[in-house]
Amino acid sequence: MKHIINTDNAPAPIGPYNQAVKSGHLLYTSGQIPIDPATGEMVSGGVREQSIQVLENLKAVLEAGGSSLDDVIKTTVFLADMADFPVLNTIYAEFFSEENSPARSTVQVAGLPKGSLVEIEAIAKV
């Protein structure tokens, strides 16, 4: 059975989807973009500021689903520009410890919702 997860501590979905779905002992998050949940607006700044907001949003969704960043098994990172990879890695390392980092794929994409520079989705254990 699947359980829908939504929280006010992360941005509301901008389409016909939910922030996360829990099935069994796994939580699947939708991709998070750098929208400030308090204002509903994209955060200002570059990939550094956007990456921080994306990971804070992801953390809020995971917690709403009974999980945490420590429980993440796999992430997929979407970047508008692969040149931002080093900056993303620096911020990512602040949220995921080296000894507990999840598996990860990072891909450059032609575009992201609302002109975002970064989007991250995750699969976590519950």
PDB file of N, CA and C in Angstrom:
ATOM      1  N   MET A   1       0.843  -1.175   0.000  1.00  0.00           N
ATOM      2  CA  MET A   1       0.000   0.000   0.000  1.00  0.00           C
ATOM      3  C   MET A   1       0.892   1.244   0.000  1.00  0.00           C
ATOM      4  N   LYS A   2       0.473   2.264  -0.711  1.00  0.00           N
ATOM      5  CA  LYS A   2       1.260   3.488  -0.739  1.00  0.00           C
ATOM      6  C   LYS A   2       0.571   4.569   0.093  1.00  0.00           C
ATOM      7  N   HIS A   3       1.410   5.432   0.675  1.00  0.00           N
ATOM      8  CA  HIS A   3       0.935   6.543   1.494  1.00  0.00           C
ATOM      9  C   HIS A   3       1.500   7.834   0.913  1.00  0.00           C
ATOM     10  N   ILE A   4       0.638   8.798   0.689  1.00  0.00           N
ATOM     11  CA  ILE A   4       1.039  10.086   0.139  1.00  0.00           C
ATOM     12  C   ILE A   4       1.597  10.961   1.251  1.00  0.00           C
ATOM     13  N   ILE A   5       2.714  11.637   0.970  1.00  0.00           N
ATOM     14  CA  ILE A   5       3.362  12.524   1.937  1.00  0.00           C
ATOM     15  C   ILE A   5       3.389  13.941   1.373  1.00  0.00           C
ATOM     16  N   ASN A   6       2.897  14.886   2.147  1.00  0.00           N
ATOM     17  CA  ASN A   6       2.989  16.307   1.820  1.00  0.00           C
ATOM     18  C   ASN A   6       3.196  17.077   3.114  1.00  0.00           C
ATOM     19  N   THR A   7       3.971  18.146   3.062  1.00  0.00           N
ATOM     20  CA  THR A   7       4.231  18.969   4.229  1.00  0.00           C
ATOM     21  C   THR A   7       4.258  20.439   3.836  1.00  0.00           C
ATOM     22  N   ASP A   8       3.844  21.289   4.747  1.00  0.00           N
ATOM     23  CA  ASP A   8       3.929  22.738   4.531  1.00  0.00           C
ATOM     24  C   ASP A   8       5.357  23.248   4.686  1.00  0.00           C
ATOM     25  N   ASN A   9       6.266  22.396   5.184  1.00  0.00           N
ATOM     26  CA  ASN A   9       7.663  22.793   5.395  1.00  0.00           C
ATOM     27  C   ASN A   9       8.506  22.698   4.133  1.00  0.00           C
ATOM     28  N   ALA A  10       7.878  22.302   3.043  1.00  0.00           N
ATOM     29  CA  ALA A  10       8.535  22.250   1.733  1.00  0.00           C
ATOM     30  C   ALA A  10       7.563  22.859   0.724  1.00  0.00           C
ATOM     31  N   PRO A  11       8.065  23.276  -0.429  1.00  0.00           N
ATOM     32  CA  PRO A  11       7.177  23.899  -1.413  1.00  0.00           C
ATOM     33  C   PRO A  11       6.058  22.964  -1.871  1.00  0.00           C
ATOM     34  N   ALA A  12       4.894  23.538  -2.076  1.00  0.00           N
ATOM     35  CA  ALA A  12       3.775  22.764  -2.612  1.00  0.00           C
ATOM     36  C   ALA A  12       4.117  22.323  -4.033  1.00  0.00           C
ATOM     37  N   PRO A  13       3.655  21.163  -4.444  1.00  0.00           N
ATOM     38  CA  PRO A  13       3.888  20.719  -5.823  1.00  0.00           C
ATOM     39  C   PRO A  13       3.337  21.741  -6.820  1.00  0.00           C
ATOM     40  N   ILE A  14       4.025  21.867  -7.948  1.00  0.00           N
ATOM     41  CA  ILE A  14       3.588  22.819  -8.974  1.00  0.00           C
ATOM     42  C   ILE A  14       2.903  22.100 -10.134  1.00  0.00           C
ATOM     43  N   GLY A  15       2.493  20.877  -9.877  1.00  0.00           N
ATOM     44  CA  GLY A  15       1.817  20.077 -10.885  1.00  0.00           C
ATOM     45  C   GLY A  15       1.036  18.959 -10.222  1.00  0.00           C
ATOM     46  N   PRO A  16       0.530  18.021 -11.001  1.00  0.00           N
ATOM     47  CA  PRO A  16      -0.280  16.922 -10.467  1.00  0.00           C
ATOM     48  C   PRO A  16       0.578  15.787  -9.898  1.00  0.00           C
ATOM     49  N   TYR A  17       1.243  16.067  -8.795  1.00  0.00           N
ATOM     50  CA  TYR A  17       2.072  15.069  -8.110  1.00  0.00           C
ATOM     51  C   TYR A  17       2.143  15.426  -6.637  1.00  0.00           C
ATOM     52  N   ASN A  18       2.708  14.539  -5.833  1.00  0.00           N
ATOM     53  CA  ASN A  18       2.887  14.766  -4.397  1.00  0.00           C
ATOM     54  C   ASN A  18       4.362  14.923  -4.082  1.00  0.00           C
ATOM     55  N   GLN A  19       4.652  15.452  -2.905  1.00  0.00           N
ATOM     56  CA  GLN A  19       6.044  15.651  -2.512  1.00  0.00           C
ATOM     57  C   GLN A  19       6.778  14.332  -2.333  1.00  0.00           C
ATOM     58  N   ALA A  20       6.064  13.312  -1.865  1.00  0.00           N
ATOM     59  CA  ALA A  20       6.686  11.993  -1.690  1.00  0.00           C
ATOM     60  C   ALA A  20       5.607  10.930  -1.596  1.00  0.00           C
ATOM     61  N   VAL A  21       6.034   9.698  -1.829  1.00  0.00           N
ATOM     62  CA  VAL A  21       5.158   8.538  -1.676  1.00  0.00           C
ATOM     63  C   VAL A  21       5.938   7.490  -0.892  1.00  0.00           C
ATOM     64  N   LYS A  22       5.292   6.981   0.153  1.00  0.00           N
ATOM     65  CA  LYS A  22       5.884   5.911   0.957  1.00  0.00           C
ATOM     66  C   LYS A  22       5.244   4.602   0.542  1.00  0.00           C
ATOM     67  N   SER A  23       6.081   3.611   0.278  1.00  0.00           N
ATOM     68  CA  SER A  23       5.611   2.280  -0.072  1.00  0.00           C
ATOM     69  C   SER A  23       6.479   1.271   0.670  1.00  0.00           C
ATOM     70  N   GLY A  24       5.858   0.510   1.534  1.00  0.00           N
ATOM     71  CA  GLY A  24       6.631  -0.432   2.343  1.00  0.00           C
ATOM     72  C   GLY A  24       7.613   0.318   3.215  1.00  0.00           C
ATOM     73  N   HIS A  25       8.868  -0.068   3.129  1.00  0.00           N
ATOM     74  CA  HIS A  25       9.909   0.568   3.942  1.00  0.00           C
ATOM     75  C   HIS A  25      10.729   1.570   3.148  1.00  0.00           C
ATOM     76  N   LEU A  26      10.167   2.055   2.031  1.00  0.00           N
ATOM     77  CA  LEU A  26      10.881   3.025   1.205  1.00  0.00           C
ATOM     78  C   LEU A  26      10.055   4.288   1.011  1.00  0.00           C
ATOM     79  N   LEU A  27      10.753   5.412   0.916  1.00  0.00           N
ATOM     80  CA  LEU A  27      10.145   6.704   0.654  1.00  0.00           C
ATOM     81  C   LEU A  27      10.752   7.254  -0.629  1.00  0.00           C
ATOM     82  N   TYR A  28       9.909   7.587  -1.582  1.00  0.00           N
ATOM     83  CA  TYR A  28      10.340   8.126  -2.870  1.00  0.00           C
ATOM     84  C   TYR A  28       9.931   9.598  -2.910  1.00  0.00           C
ATOM     85  N   THR A  29      10.905  10.491  -3.018  1.00  0.00           N
ATOM     86  CA  THR A  29      10.558  11.907  -3.074  1.00  0.00           C
ATOM     87  C   THR A  29      10.473  12.375  -4.517  1.00  0.00           C
ATOM     88  N   SER A  30       9.636  13.371  -4.718  1.00  0.00           N
ATOM     89  CA  SER A  30       9.642  14.073  -5.998  1.00  0.00           C
ATOM     90  C   SER A  30      10.848  14.988  -6.009  1.00  0.00           C
ATOM     91  N   GLY A  31      11.239  15.429  -7.175  1.00  0.00           N
ATOM     92  CA  GLY A  31      12.357  16.357  -7.266  1.00  0.00           C
ATOM     93  C   GLY A  31      12.032  17.663  -6.555  1.00  0.00           C
ATOM     94  N   GLN A  32      12.989  18.146  -5.798  1.00  0.00           N
ATOM     95  CA  GLN A  32      12.833  19.414  -5.088  1.00  0.00           C
ATOM     96  C   GLN A  32      13.639  20.486  -5.818  1.00  0.00           C
ATOM     97  N   ILE A  33      13.007  21.639  -5.991  1.00  0.00           N
ATOM     98  CA  ILE A  33      13.685  22.786  -6.591  1.00  0.00           C
ATOM     99  C   ILE A  33      13.783  23.882  -5.535  1.00  0.00           C
ATOM    100  N   PRO A  34      14.544  24.940  -5.803  1.00  0.00           N
ATOM    101  CA  PRO A  34      14.841  25.946  -4.768  1.00  0.00           C
ATOM    102  C   PRO A  34      13.739  26.979  -4.528  1.00  0.00           C
ATOM    103  N   ILE A  35      12.570  26.502  -4.192  1.00  0.00           N
ATOM    104  CA  ILE A  35      11.482  27.399  -3.812  1.00  0.00           C
ATOM    105  C   ILE A  35      11.458  27.489  -2.296  1.00  0.00           C
ATOM    106  N   ASP A  36      11.394  28.698  -1.781  1.00  0.00           N
ATOM    107  CA  ASP A  36      11.267  28.928  -0.342  1.00  0.00           C
ATOM    108  C   ASP A  36       9.824  28.610   0.033  1.00  0.00           C
ATOM    109  N   PRO A  37       9.589  27.614   0.901  1.00  0.00           N
ATOM    110  CA  PRO A  37       8.212  27.245   1.225  1.00  0.00           C
ATOM    111  C   PRO A  37       7.445  28.356   1.940  1.00  0.00           C
ATOM    112  N   ALA A  38       8.140  29.257   2.603  1.00  0.00           N
ATOM    113  CA  ALA A  38       7.479  30.352   3.319  1.00  0.00           C
ATOM    114  C   ALA A  38       6.907  31.397   2.363  1.00  0.00           C
ATOM    115  N   THR A  39       7.573  31.605   1.230  1.00  0.00           N
ATOM    116  CA  THR A  39       7.147  32.654   0.293  1.00  0.00           C
ATOM    117  C   THR A  39       6.573  32.112  -1.006  1.00  0.00           C
ATOM    118  N   GLY A  40       6.910  30.866  -1.333  1.00  0.00           N
ATOM    119  CA  GLY A  40       6.488  30.296  -2.603  1.00  0.00           C
ATOM    120  C   GLY A  40       7.293  30.811  -3.776  1.00  0.00           C
ATOM    121  N   GLU A  41       8.385  31.512  -3.487  1.00  0.00           N
ATOM    122  CA  GLU A  41       9.223  32.103  -4.529  1.00  0.00           C
ATOM    123  C   GLU A  41      10.564  31.380  -4.604  1.00  0.00           C
ATOM    124  N   MET A  42      11.181  31.430  -5.792  1.00  0.00           N
ATOM    125  CA  MET A  42      12.535  30.897  -5.958  1.00  0.00           C
ATOM    126  C   MET A  42      13.490  31.724  -5.107  1.00  0.00           C
ATOM    127  N   VAL A  43      14.480  31.061  -4.506  1.00  0.00           N
ATOM    128  CA  VAL A  43      15.475  31.805  -3.740  1.00  0.00           C
ATOM    129  C   VAL A  43      16.374  32.570  -4.704  1.00  0.00           C
ATOM    130  N   SER A  44      16.858  33.700  -4.248  1.00  0.00           N
ATOM    131  CA  SER A  44      17.760  34.479  -5.092  1.00  0.00           C
ATOM    132  C   SER A  44      19.176  33.942  -4.934  1.00  0.00           C
ATOM    133  N   GLY A  45      20.019  34.268  -5.885  1.00  0.00           N
ATOM    134  CA  GLY A  45      21.403  33.817  -5.850  1.00  0.00           C
ATOM    135  C   GLY A  45      21.662  32.768  -6.908  1.00  0.00           C
ATOM    136  N   GLY A  46      22.820  32.172  -6.809  1.00  0.00           N
ATOM    137  CA  GLY A  46      23.252  31.190  -7.786  1.00  0.00           C
ATOM    138  C   GLY A  46      23.062  29.764  -7.320  1.00  0.00           C
ATOM    139  N   VAL A  47      23.859  28.877  -7.885  1.00  0.00           N
ATOM    140  CA  VAL A  47      23.701  27.455  -7.602  1.00  0.00           C
ATOM    141  C   VAL A  47      23.990  27.132  -6.137  1.00  0.00           C
ATOM    142  N   ARG A  48      24.853  27.885  -5.494  1.00  0.00           N
ATOM    143  CA  ARG A  48      25.131  27.655  -4.063  1.00  0.00           C
ATOM    144  C   ARG A  48      23.868  27.846  -3.234  1.00  0.00           C
ATOM    145  N   GLU A  49      23.237  28.993  -3.367  1.00  0.00           N
ATOM    146  CA  GLU A  49      22.035  29.294  -2.601  1.00  0.00           C
ATOM    147  C   GLU A  49      20.886  28.360  -2.985  1.00  0.00           C
ATOM    148  N   GLN A  50      20.794  28.063  -4.271  1.00  0.00           N
ATOM    149  CA  GLN A  50      19.740  27.166  -4.719  1.00  0.00           C
ATOM    150  C   GLN A  50      19.941  25.746  -4.197  1.00  0.00           C
ATOM    151  N   SER A  51      21.182  25.278  -4.187  1.00  0.00           N
ATOM    152  CA  SER A  51      21.461  23.919  -3.690  1.00  0.00           C
ATOM    153  C   SER A  51      21.114  23.798  -2.213  1.00  0.00           C
ATOM    154  N   ILE A  52      21.434  24.817  -1.439  1.00  0.00           N
ATOM    155  CA  ILE A  52      21.103  24.806  -0.008  1.00  0.00           C
ATOM    156  C   ILE A  52      19.590  24.700   0.171  1.00  0.00           C
ATOM    157  N   GLN A  53      18.825  25.518  -0.558  1.00  0.00           N
ATOM    158  CA  GLN A  53      17.367  25.483  -0.418  1.00  0.00           C
ATOM    159  C   GLN A  53      16.794  24.149  -0.868  1.00  0.00           C
ATOM    160  N   VAL A  54      17.305  23.611  -1.957  1.00  0.00           N
ATOM    161  CA  VAL A  54      16.831  22.313  -2.452  1.00  0.00           C
ATOM    162  C   VAL A  54      17.049  21.238  -1.385  1.00  0.00           C
ATOM    163  N   LEU A  55      18.218  21.211  -0.783  1.00  0.00           N
ATOM    164  CA  LEU A  55      18.513  20.185   0.221  1.00  0.00           C
ATOM    165  C   LEU A  55      17.709  20.411   1.503  1.00  0.00           C
ATOM    166  N   GLU A  56      17.435  21.647   1.864  1.00  0.00           N
ATOM    167  CA  GLU A  56      16.557  21.922   3.013  1.00  0.00           C
ATOM    168  C   GLU A  56      15.139  21.439   2.710  1.00  0.00           C
ATOM    169  N   ASN A  57      14.669  21.680   1.487  1.00  0.00           N
ATOM    170  CA  ASN A  57      13.345  21.199   1.092  1.00  0.00           C
ATOM    171  C   ASN A  57      13.286  19.681   1.111  1.00  0.00           C
ATOM    172  N   LEU A  58      14.325  19.044   0.586  1.00  0.00           N
ATOM    173  CA  LEU A  58      14.387  17.585   0.574  1.00  0.00           C
ATOM    174  C   LEU A  58      14.366  17.040   2.002  1.00  0.00           C
ATOM    175  N   LYS A  59      15.128  17.660   2.880  1.00  0.00           N
ATOM    176  CA  LYS A  59      15.172  17.259   4.289  1.00  0.00           C
ATOM    177  C   LYS A  59      13.777  17.340   4.917  1.00  0.00           C
ATOM    178  N   ALA A  60      13.036  18.412   4.636  1.00  0.00           N
ATOM    179  CA  ALA A  60      11.691  18.580   5.196  1.00  0.00           C
ATOM    180  C   ALA A  60      10.737  17.502   4.701  1.00  0.00           C
ATOM    181  N   VAL A  61      10.815  17.160   3.431  1.00  0.00           N
ATOM    182  CA  VAL A  61       9.953  16.118   2.871  1.00  0.00           C
ATOM    183  C   VAL A  61      10.297  14.764   3.482  1.00  0.00           C
ATOM    184  N   LEU A  62      11.581  14.471   3.603  1.00  0.00           N
ATOM    185  CA  LEU A  62      12.004  13.205   4.210  1.00  0.00           C
ATOM    186  C   LEU A  62      11.488  13.090   5.642  1.00  0.00           C
ATOM    187  N   GLU A  63      11.641  14.158   6.410  1.00  0.00           N
ATOM    188  CA  GLU A  63      11.187  14.139   7.800  1.00  0.00           C
ATOM    189  C   GLU A  63       9.672  13.971   7.888  1.00  0.00           C
ATOM    190  N   ALA A  64       8.933  14.594   6.982  1.00  0.00           N
ATOM    191  CA  ALA A  64       7.478  14.444   6.973  1.00  0.00           C
ATOM    192  C   ALA A  64       7.078  12.995   6.688  1.00  0.00           C
ATOM    193  N   GLY A  65       7.932  12.283   5.971  1.00  0.00           N
ATOM    194  CA  GLY A  65       7.671  10.883   5.648  1.00  0.00           C
ATOM    195  C   GLY A  65       8.244   9.905   6.651  1.00  0.00           C
ATOM    196  N   GLY A  66       8.773  10.418   7.767  1.00  0.00           N
ATOM    197  CA  GLY A  66       9.328   9.544   8.794  1.00  0.00           C
ATOM    198  C   GLY A  66      10.740   9.080   8.507  1.00  0.00           C
ATOM    199  N   SER A  67      11.458   9.820   7.688  1.00  0.00           N
ATOM    200  CA  SER A  67      12.818   9.465   7.313  1.00  0.00           C
ATOM    201  C   SER A  67      13.747  10.646   7.596  1.00  0.00           C
ATOM    202  N   SER A  68      14.964  10.580   7.091  1.00  0.00           N
ATOM    203  CA  SER A  68      15.935  11.660   7.290  1.00  0.00           C
ATOM    204  C   SER A  68      17.011  11.578   6.209  1.00  0.00           C
ATOM    205  N   LEU A  69      17.846  12.589   6.179  1.00  0.00           N
ATOM    206  CA  LEU A  69      18.969  12.569   5.235  1.00  0.00           C
ATOM    207  C   LEU A  69      19.877  11.369   5.483  1.00  0.00           C
ATOM    208  N   ASP A  70      20.005  10.948   6.730  1.00  0.00           N
ATOM    209  CA  ASP A  70      20.845   9.787   7.056  1.00  0.00           C
ATOM    210  C   ASP A  70      20.289   8.485   6.486  1.00  0.00           C
ATOM    211  N   ASP A  71      19.003   8.474   6.165  1.00  0.00           N
ATOM    212  CA  ASP A  71      18.360   7.265   5.652  1.00  0.00           C
ATOM    213  C   ASP A  71      18.291   7.210   4.133  1.00  0.00           C
ATOM    214  N   VAL A  72      18.826   8.226   3.467  1.00  0.00           N
ATOM    215  CA  VAL A  72      18.752   8.275   2.009  1.00  0.00           C
ATOM    216  C   VAL A  72      19.673   7.212   1.407  1.00  0.00           C
ATOM    217  N   ILE A  73      19.116   6.445   0.483  1.00  0.00           N
ATOM    218  CA  ILE A  73      19.841   5.372  -0.192  1.00  0.00           C
ATOM    219  C   ILE A  73      20.409   5.855  -1.525  1.00  0.00           C
ATOM    220  N   LYS A  74      19.625   6.680  -2.236  1.00  0.00           N
ATOM    221  CA  LYS A  74      20.002   7.109  -3.592  1.00  0.00           C
ATOM    222  C   LYS A  74      19.430   8.485  -3.870  1.00  0.00           C
ATOM    223  N   THR A  75      20.227   9.330  -4.493  1.00  0.00           N
ATOM    224  CA  THR A  75      19.725  10.612  -4.982  1.00  0.00           C
ATOM    225  C   THR A  75      20.006  10.711  -6.480  1.00  0.00           C
ATOM    226  N   THR A  76      19.192  11.509  -7.124  1.00  0.00           N
ATOM    227  CA  THR A  76      19.447  11.895  -8.503  1.00  0.00           C
ATOM    228  C   THR A  76      19.460  13.412  -8.522  1.00  0.00           C
ATOM    229  N   VAL A  77      20.550  13.964  -9.022  1.00  0.00           N
ATOM    230  CA  VAL A  77      20.740  15.409  -9.091  1.00  0.00           C
ATOM    231  C   VAL A  77      20.654  15.831 -10.549  1.00  0.00           C
ATOM    232  N   PHE A  78      19.867  16.856 -10.793  1.00  0.00           N
ATOM    233  CA  PHE A  78      19.721  17.421 -12.129  1.00  0.00           C
ATOM    234  C   PHE A  78      20.301  18.828 -12.100  1.00  0.00           C
ATOM    235  N   LEU A  79      21.274  19.094 -12.947  1.00  0.00           N
ATOM    236  CA  LEU A  79      21.906  20.409 -13.028  1.00  0.00           C
ATOM    237  C   LEU A  79      21.634  21.041 -14.386  1.00  0.00           C
ATOM    238  N   ALA A  80      21.377  22.331 -14.377  1.00  0.00           N
ATOM    239  CA  ALA A  80      21.212  23.052 -15.637  1.00  0.00           C
ATOM    240  C   ALA A  80      22.557  23.210 -16.336  1.00  0.00           C
ATOM    241  N   ASP A  81      23.647  23.211 -15.555  1.00  0.00           N
ATOM    242  CA  ASP A  81      24.989  23.391 -16.108  1.00  0.00           C
ATOM    243  C   ASP A  81      25.975  22.541 -15.318  1.00  0.00           C
ATOM    244  N   MET A  82      26.605  21.576 -15.958  1.00  0.00           N
ATOM    245  CA  MET A  82      27.546  20.695 -15.272  1.00  0.00           C
ATOM    246  C   MET A  82      28.759  21.461 -14.730  1.00  0.00           C
ATOM    247  N   ALA A  83      28.977  22.671 -15.182  1.00  0.00           N
ATOM    248  CA  ALA A  83      30.055  23.497 -14.621  1.00  0.00           C
ATOM    249  C   ALA A  83      29.782  23.818 -13.149  1.00  0.00           C
ATOM    250  N   ASP A  84      28.529  23.679 -12.704  1.00  0.00           N
ATOM    251  CA  ASP A  84      28.165  23.922 -11.305  1.00  0.00           C
ATOM    252  C   ASP A  84      28.428  22.713 -10.411  1.00  0.00           C
ATOM    253  N   PHE A  85      28.920  21.625 -10.981  1.00  0.00           N
ATOM    254  CA  PHE A  85      29.163  20.380 -10.236  1.00  0.00           C
ATOM    255  C   PHE A  85      30.051  20.576  -9.001  1.00  0.00           C
ATOM    256  N   PRO A  86      31.176  21.307  -9.088  1.00  0.00           N
ATOM    257  CA  PRO A  86      32.015  21.477  -7.898  1.00  0.00           C
ATOM    258  C   PRO A  86      31.304  22.231  -6.765  1.00  0.00           C
ATOM    259  N   VAL A  87      30.541  23.247  -7.094  1.00  0.00           N
ATOM    260  CA  VAL A  87      29.812  24.002  -6.066  1.00  0.00           C
ATOM    261  C   VAL A  87      28.747  23.114  -5.434  1.00  0.00           C
ATOM    262  N   LEU A  88      28.020  22.387  -6.273  1.00  0.00           N
ATOM    263  CA  LEU A  88      27.012  21.459  -5.756  1.00  0.00           C
ATOM    264  C   LEU A  88      27.660  20.459  -4.800  1.00  0.00           C
ATOM    265  N   ASN A  89      28.790  19.892  -5.170  1.00  0.00           N
ATOM    266  CA  ASN A  89      29.464  18.906  -4.321  1.00  0.00           C
ATOM    267  C   ASN A  89      29.818  19.477  -2.953  1.00  0.00           C
ATOM    268  N   THR A  90      30.257  20.713  -2.913  1.00  0.00           N
ATOM    269  CA  THR A  90      30.611  21.355  -1.642  1.00  0.00           C
ATOM    270  C   THR A  90      29.396  21.450  -0.731  1.00  0.00           C
ATOM    271  N   ILE A  91      28.274  21.901  -1.271  1.00  0.00           N
ATOM    272  CA  ILE A  91      27.044  22.028  -0.486  1.00  0.00           C
ATOM    273  C   ILE A  91      26.505  20.654  -0.113  1.00  0.00           C
ATOM    274  N   TYR A  92      26.502  19.737  -1.057  1.00  0.00           N
ATOM    275  CA  TYR A  92      26.006  18.380  -0.842  1.00  0.00           C
ATOM    276  C   TYR A  92      26.744  17.720   0.321  1.00  0.00           C
ATOM    277  N   ALA A  93      28.052  17.924   0.387  1.00  0.00           N
ATOM    278  CA  ALA A  93      28.870  17.331   1.455  1.00  0.00           C
ATOM    279  C   ALA A  93      28.513  17.901   2.826  1.00  0.00           C
ATOM    280  N   GLU A  94      27.933  19.084   2.875  1.00  0.00           N
ATOM    281  CA  GLU A  94      27.503  19.664   4.155  1.00  0.00           C
ATOM    282  C   GLU A  94      26.231  18.989   4.666  1.00  0.00           C
ATOM    283  N   PHE A  95      25.465  18.366   3.778  1.00  0.00           N
ATOM    284  CA  PHE A  95      24.215  17.717   4.158  1.00  0.00           C
ATOM    285  C   PHE A  95      24.359  16.209   4.309  1.00  0.00           C
ATOM    286  N   PHE A  96      25.278  15.608   3.558  1.00  0.00           N
ATOM    287  CA  PHE A  96      25.494  14.170   3.610  1.00  0.00           C
ATOM    288  C   PHE A  96      26.935  13.901   4.036  1.00  0.00           C
ATOM    289  N   SER A  97      27.111  13.221   5.166  1.00  0.00           N
ATOM    290  CA  SER A  97      28.458  12.907   5.639  1.00  0.00           C
ATOM    291  C   SER A  97      29.122  11.912   4.694  1.00  0.00           C
ATOM    292  N   GLU A  98      30.424  11.996   4.614  1.00  0.00           N
ATOM    293  CA  GLU A  98      31.169  11.132   3.688  1.00  0.00           C
ATOM    294  C   GLU A  98      30.954   9.651   3.977  1.00  0.00           C
ATOM    295  N   GLU A  99      30.910   9.282   5.252  1.00  0.00           N
ATOM    296  CA  GLU A  99      30.759   7.870   5.605  1.00  0.00           C
ATOM    297  C   GLU A  99      29.333   7.368   5.405  1.00  0.00           C
ATOM    298  N   ASN A 100      28.364   8.277   5.224  1.00  0.00           N
ATOM    299  CA  ASN A 100      26.979   7.858   5.070  1.00  0.00           C
ATOM    300  C   ASN A 100      26.339   8.416   3.793  1.00  0.00           C
ATOM    301  N   SER A 101      27.161   8.820   2.845  1.00  0.00           N
ATOM    302  CA  SER A 101      26.622   9.388   1.607  1.00  0.00           C
ATOM    303  C   SER A 101      25.871   8.334   0.815  1.00  0.00           C
ATOM    304  N   PRO A 102      24.727   8.728   0.237  1.00  0.00           N
ATOM    305  CA  PRO A 102      23.977   7.779  -0.590  1.00  0.00           C
ATOM    306  C   PRO A 102      24.621   7.614  -1.962  1.00  0.00           C
ATOM    307  N   ALA A 103      24.172   6.605  -2.676  1.00  0.00           N
ATOM    308  CA  ALA A 103      24.543   6.497  -4.084  1.00  0.00           C
ATOM    309  C   ALA A 103      23.948   7.716  -4.789  1.00  0.00           C
ATOM    310  N   ARG A 104      24.559   8.130  -5.900  1.00  0.00           N
ATOM    311  CA  ARG A 104      24.075   9.348  -6.561  1.00  0.00           C
ATOM    312  C   ARG A 104      24.358   9.307  -8.046  1.00  0.00           C
ATOM    313  N   SER A 105      23.421   9.852  -8.801  1.00  0.00           N
ATOM    314  CA  SER A 105      23.629  10.135 -10.215  1.00  0.00           C
ATOM    315  C   SER A 105      23.464  11.629 -10.386  1.00  0.00           C
ATOM    316  N   THR A 106      24.279  12.227 -11.243  1.00  0.00           N
ATOM    317  CA  THR A 106      24.161  13.653 -11.544  1.00  0.00           C
ATOM    318  C   THR A 106      24.156  13.810 -13.044  1.00  0.00           C
ATOM    319  N   VAL A 107      23.148  14.501 -13.541  1.00  0.00           N
ATOM    320  CA  VAL A 107      23.030  14.701 -14.981  1.00  0.00           C
ATOM    321  C   VAL A 107      22.756  16.167 -15.290  1.00  0.00           C
ATOM    322  N   GLN A 108      23.264  16.598 -16.424  1.00  0.00           N
ATOM    323  CA  GLN A 108      22.942  17.932 -16.916  1.00  0.00           C
ATOM    324  C   GLN A 108      21.693  17.810 -17.773  1.00  0.00           C
ATOM    325  N   VAL A 109      20.785  18.758 -17.588  1.00  0.00           N
ATOM    326  CA  VAL A 109      19.530  18.743 -18.329  1.00  0.00           C
ATOM    327  C   VAL A 109      19.363  20.052 -19.098  1.00  0.00           C
ATOM    328  N   ALA A 110      18.513  20.029 -20.095  1.00  0.00           N
ATOM    329  CA  ALA A 110      18.291  21.214 -20.928  1.00  0.00           C
ATOM    330  C   ALA A 110      17.537  22.301 -20.186  1.00  0.00           C
ATOM    331  N   GLY A 111      16.726  21.924 -19.202  1.00  0.00           N
ATOM    332  CA  GLY A 111      15.977  22.911 -18.452  1.00  0.00           C
ATOM    333  C   GLY A 111      15.317  22.273 -17.243  1.00  0.00           C
ATOM    334  N   LEU A 112      15.037  23.095 -16.239  1.00  0.00           N
ATOM    335  CA  LEU A 112      14.376  22.642 -15.021  1.00  0.00           C
ATOM    336  C   LEU A 112      13.189  23.554 -14.736  1.00  0.00           C
ATOM    337  N   PRO A 113      12.222  23.069 -13.954  1.00  0.00           N
ATOM    338  CA  PRO A 113      11.053  23.890 -13.654  1.00  0.00           C
ATOM    339  C   PRO A 113      11.415  25.261 -13.076  1.00  0.00           C
ATOM    340  N   LYS A 114      10.694  26.272 -13.531  1.00  0.00           N
ATOM    341  CA  LYS A 114      10.835  27.647 -13.056  1.00  0.00           C
ATOM    342  C   LYS A 114      12.237  28.220 -13.258  1.00  0.00           C
ATOM    343  N   GLY A 115      13.015  27.627 -14.172  1.00  0.00           N
ATOM    344  CA  GLY A 115      14.355  28.122 -14.452  1.00  0.00           C
ATOM    345  C   GLY A 115      15.372  27.786 -13.385  1.00  0.00           C
ATOM    346  N   SER A 116      15.059  26.802 -12.556  1.00  0.00           N
ATOM    347  CA  SER A 116      15.968  26.377 -11.490  1.00  0.00           C
ATOM    348  C   SER A 116      17.309  25.934 -12.064  1.00  0.00           C
ATOM    349  N   LEU A 117      18.358  26.080 -11.263  1.00  0.00           N
ATOM    350  CA  LEU A 117      19.687  25.616 -11.650  1.00  0.00           C
ATOM    351  C   LEU A 117      19.958  24.197 -11.178  1.00  0.00           C
ATOM    352  N   VAL A 118      19.162  23.725 -10.184  1.00  0.00           N
ATOM    353  CA  VAL A 118      19.387  22.402  -9.603  1.00  0.00           C
ATOM    354  C   VAL A 118      18.057  21.835  -9.107  1.00  0.00           C
ATOM    355  N   GLU A 119      17.927  20.510  -9.224  1.00  0.00           N
ATOM    356  CA  GLU A 119      16.789  19.766  -8.687  1.00  0.00           C
ATOM    357  C   GLU A 119      17.344  18.456  -8.160  1.00  0.00           C
ATOM    358  N   ILE A 120      16.817  18.002  -7.017  1.00  0.00           N
ATOM    359  CA  ILE A 120      17.286  16.744  -6.429  1.00  0.00           C
ATOM    360  C   ILE A 120      16.082  15.916  -5.971  1.00  0.00           C
ATOM    361  N   GLU A 121      16.120  14.627  -6.314  1.00  0.00           N
ATOM    362  CA  GLU A 121      15.122  13.673  -5.815  1.00  0.00           C
ATOM    363  C   GLU A 121      15.855  12.585  -5.043  1.00  0.00           C
ATOM    364  N   ALA A 122      15.107  11.855  -4.199  1.00  0.00           N
ATOM    365  CA  ALA A 122      15.765  10.849  -3.363  1.00  0.00           C
ATOM    366  C   ALA A 122      14.875   9.635  -3.137  1.00  0.00           C
ATOM    367  N   ILE A 123      15.539   8.546  -2.792  1.00  0.00           N
ATOM    368  CA  ILE A 123      14.890   7.338  -2.291  1.00  0.00           C
ATOM    369  C   ILE A 123      15.516   7.074  -0.931  1.00  0.00           C
ATOM    370  N   ALA A 124      14.665   6.890   0.073  1.00  0.00           N
ATOM    371  CA  ALA A 124      15.172   6.691   1.446  1.00  0.00           C
ATOM    372  C   ALA A 124      14.456   5.530   2.109  1.00  0.00           C
ATOM    373  N   LYS A 125      15.113   4.930   3.086  1.00  0.00           N
ATOM    374  CA  LYS A 125      14.453   3.907   3.887  1.00  0.00           C
ATOM    375  C   LYS A 125      13.647   4.602   4.989  1.00  0.00           C
ATOM    376  N   VAL A 126      12.606   3.917   5.418  1.00  0.00           N
ATOM    377  CA  VAL A 126      11.736   4.452   6.480  1.00  0.00           C
ATOM    378  C   VAL A 126      11.800   3.520   7.664  1.00  0.00           C
TER     379      VAL A 126
END
